[in-house]
């Protein structure tokens, strides 16, 4: 006679809700592939935008701005030329301070 009073029974159920690792890896793989493709497409369009030459319509409104920029560049070049002259004068002039160690 067997008593099943304090015996533990193993209850394993087949089926039901469980995760399938194959499906989750496929999802991760497809998402990574889609992200890579999207980044290549975005990079291509960005490179295409940057590489555009300015058209005739863009130059018509900026014609005067380019003249102003040339004037500003000329003023900056004059300023640095004057600074160079002052630097040369300072380097070539004798020192007004007498060395006390002599």
C-alpha atoms as a PDB file:
ATOM      1  CA  UNK A   1       0.000   0.000   0.000  1.00  0.00           C
ATOM      2  CA  UNK A   2       1.389   3.337  -1.037  1.00  0.00           C
ATOM      3  CA  UNK A   3       0.496   6.504   0.747  1.00  0.00           C
ATOM      4  CA  UNK A   4       0.509   9.653  -1.373  1.00  0.00           C
ATOM      5  CA  UNK A   5       0.101  11.908   1.563  1.00  0.00           C
ATOM      6  CA  UNK A   6       3.202  14.155   1.562  1.00  0.00           C
ATOM      7  CA  UNK A   7       4.599  13.335  -1.830  1.00  0.00           C
ATOM      8  CA  UNK A   8       5.434  16.029  -4.282  1.00  0.00           C
ATOM      9  CA  UNK A   9       4.266  15.559  -7.800  1.00  0.00           C
ATOM     10  CA  UNK A  10       6.090  16.910 -10.794  1.00  0.00           C
ATOM     11  CA  UNK A  11       3.758  18.918 -12.948  1.00  0.00           C
ATOM     12  CA  UNK A  12       5.230  19.839 -16.299  1.00  0.00           C
ATOM     13  CA  UNK A  13       2.904  21.275 -18.892  1.00  0.00           C
ATOM     14  CA  UNK A  14       3.677  21.323 -22.556  1.00  0.00           C
ATOM     15  CA  UNK A  15       2.612  24.279 -24.624  1.00  0.00           C
ATOM     16  CA  UNK A  16       1.189  27.421 -23.105  1.00  0.00           C
ATOM     17  CA  UNK A  17       2.803  30.856 -23.016  1.00  0.00           C
ATOM     18  CA  UNK A  18       6.564  30.821 -23.402  1.00  0.00           C
ATOM     19  CA  UNK A  19       9.140  32.856 -25.316  1.00  0.00           C
ATOM     20  CA  UNK A  20      10.733  31.514 -28.412  1.00  0.00           C
ATOM     21  CA  UNK A  21      14.361  32.723 -28.654  1.00  0.00           C
ATOM     22  CA  UNK A  22      14.447  32.169 -32.411  1.00  0.00           C
ATOM     23  CA  UNK A  23      11.704  34.745 -32.970  1.00  0.00           C
ATOM     24  CA  UNK A  24      13.315  37.350 -30.713  1.00  0.00           C
ATOM     25  CA  UNK A  25      16.686  36.969 -32.444  1.00  0.00           C
ATOM     26  CA  UNK A  26      15.026  37.366 -35.820  1.00  0.00           C
ATOM     27  CA  UNK A  27      13.344  40.575 -34.641  1.00  0.00           C
ATOM     28  CA  UNK A  28      16.640  41.972 -33.353  1.00  0.00           C
ATOM     29  CA  UNK A  29      18.374  41.031 -36.592  1.00  0.00           C
ATOM     30  CA  UNK A  30      15.715  42.674 -38.767  1.00  0.00           C
ATOM     31  CA  UNK A  31      15.687  45.841 -36.641  1.00  0.00           C
ATOM     32  CA  UNK A  32      19.464  46.121 -36.838  1.00  0.00           C
ATOM     33  CA  UNK A  33      19.373  45.604 -40.612  1.00  0.00           C
ATOM     34  CA  UNK A  34      16.637  48.248 -40.995  1.00  0.00           C
ATOM     35  CA  UNK A  35      18.627  50.697 -38.844  1.00  0.00           C
ATOM     36  CA  UNK A  36      21.754  50.184 -40.944  1.00  0.00           C
ATOM     37  CA  UNK A  37      19.861  50.687 -44.199  1.00  0.00           C
ATOM     38  CA  UNK A  38      18.136  53.811 -42.843  1.00  0.00           C
ATOM     39  CA  UNK A  39      21.450  55.309 -41.730  1.00  0.00           C
ATOM     40  CA  UNK A  40      22.984  54.692 -45.177  1.00  0.00           C
ATOM     41  CA  UNK A  41      20.014  56.343 -46.888  1.00  0.00           C
ATOM     42  CA  UNK A  42      20.150  59.321 -44.502  1.00  0.00           C
ATOM     43  CA  UNK A  43      23.907  59.691 -45.045  1.00  0.00           C
ATOM     44  CA  UNK A  44      23.500  59.548 -48.810  1.00  0.00           C
ATOM     45  CA  UNK A  45      20.849  62.277 -48.850  1.00  0.00           C
ATOM     46  CA  UNK A  46      22.866  64.419 -46.442  1.00  0.00           C
ATOM     47  CA  UNK A  47      25.961  64.084 -48.620  1.00  0.00           C
ATOM     48  CA  UNK A  48      23.872  64.930 -51.666  1.00  0.00           C
ATOM     49  CA  UNK A  49      22.571  68.120 -49.976  1.00  0.00           C
ATOM     50  CA  UNK A  50      26.025  69.227 -48.867  1.00  0.00           C
ATOM     51  CA  UNK A  51      27.574  68.608 -52.260  1.00  0.00           C
ATOM     52  CA  UNK A  52      25.053  70.799 -54.104  1.00  0.00           C
ATOM     53  CA  UNK A  53      26.476  73.714 -56.041  1.00  0.00           C
ATOM     54  CA  UNK A  54      24.706  77.031 -55.448  1.00  0.00           C
ATOM     55  CA  UNK A  55      22.223  77.657 -58.237  1.00  0.00           C
ATOM     56  CA  UNK A  56      21.530  80.866 -60.147  1.00  0.00           C
ATOM     57  CA  UNK A  57      18.520  81.676 -57.975  1.00  0.00           C
ATOM     58  CA  UNK A  58      20.647  81.538 -54.836  1.00  0.00           C
ATOM     59  CA  UNK A  59      23.316  83.844 -56.267  1.00  0.00           C
ATOM     60  CA  UNK A  60      20.882  86.584 -57.273  1.00  0.00           C
ATOM     61  CA  UNK A  61      20.004  87.466 -53.690  1.00  0.00           C
ATOM     62  CA  UNK A  62      23.552  87.132 -52.402  1.00  0.00           C
ATOM     63  CA  UNK A  63      25.413  89.200 -54.997  1.00  0.00           C
ATOM     64  CA  UNK A  64      25.706  92.246 -52.759  1.00  0.00           C
ATOM     65  CA  UNK A  65      26.525  90.108 -49.721  1.00  0.00           C
ATOM     66  CA  UNK A  66      29.599  88.763 -51.520  1.00  0.00           C
ATOM     67  CA  UNK A  67      30.817  92.320 -52.230  1.00  0.00           C
ATOM     68  CA  UNK A  68      30.429  93.205 -48.559  1.00  0.00           C
ATOM     69  CA  UNK A  69      32.307  90.072 -47.568  1.00  0.00           C
ATOM     70  CA  UNK A  70      35.168  91.044 -49.907  1.00  0.00           C
ATOM     71  CA  UNK A  71      35.361  94.484 -48.286  1.00  0.00           C
ATOM     72  CA  UNK A  72      35.445  92.948 -44.833  1.00  0.00           C
ATOM     73  CA  UNK A  73      38.211  90.581 -45.899  1.00  0.00           C
ATOM     74  CA  UNK A  74      40.243  93.482 -47.309  1.00  0.00           C
ATOM     75  CA  UNK A  75      39.863  95.418 -44.031  1.00  0.00           C
ATOM     76  CA  UNK A  76      40.985  92.373 -42.040  1.00  0.00           C
ATOM     77  CA  UNK A  77      44.023  91.946 -44.299  1.00  0.00           C
ATOM     78  CA  UNK A  78      44.954  95.615 -43.851  1.00  0.00           C
ATOM     79  CA  UNK A  79      44.644  95.281 -40.078  1.00  0.00           C
ATOM     80  CA  UNK A  80      46.967  92.285 -39.985  1.00  0.00           C
ATOM     81  CA  UNK A  81      49.453  93.983 -42.330  1.00  0.00           C
ATOM     82  CA  UNK A  82      49.653  96.932 -39.895  1.00  0.00           C
ATOM     83  CA  UNK A  83      50.141  94.566 -36.979  1.00  0.00           C
ATOM     84  CA  UNK A  84      52.954  92.855 -38.848  1.00  0.00           C
ATOM     85  CA  UNK A  85      54.674  96.212 -39.416  1.00  0.00           C
ATOM     86  CA  UNK A  86      54.369  97.059 -35.711  1.00  0.00           C
ATOM     87  CA  UNK A  87      55.788  93.653 -34.761  1.00  0.00           C
ATOM     88  CA  UNK A  88      58.776  94.137 -37.046  1.00  0.00           C
ATOM     89  CA  UNK A  89      59.400  97.616 -35.556  1.00  0.00           C
ATOM     90  CA  UNK A  90      59.272  96.228 -32.012  1.00  0.00           C
ATOM     91  CA  UNK A  91      61.670  93.398 -32.850  1.00  0.00           C
ATOM     92  CA  UNK A  92      64.180  95.703 -34.584  1.00  0.00           C
ATOM     93  CA  UNK A  93      64.189  98.501 -31.976  1.00  0.00           C
ATOM     94  CA  UNK A  94      66.640  98.292 -29.078  1.00  0.00           C
ATOM     95  CA  UNK A  95      65.325  97.523 -25.645  1.00  0.00           C
ATOM     96  CA  UNK A  96      64.739 100.704 -23.576  1.00  0.00           C
ATOM     97  CA  UNK A  97      65.358  98.837 -20.309  1.00  0.00           C
ATOM     98  CA  UNK A  98      68.978  98.595 -19.195  1.00  0.00           C
ATOM     99  CA  UNK A  99      70.025  95.304 -17.717  1.00  0.00           C
ATOM    100  CA  UNK A 100      70.945  95.947 -14.030  1.00  0.00           C
ATOM    101  CA  UNK A 101      73.325  92.993 -13.858  1.00  0.00           C
ATOM    102  CA  UNK A 102      75.957  94.739 -16.021  1.00  0.00           C
END
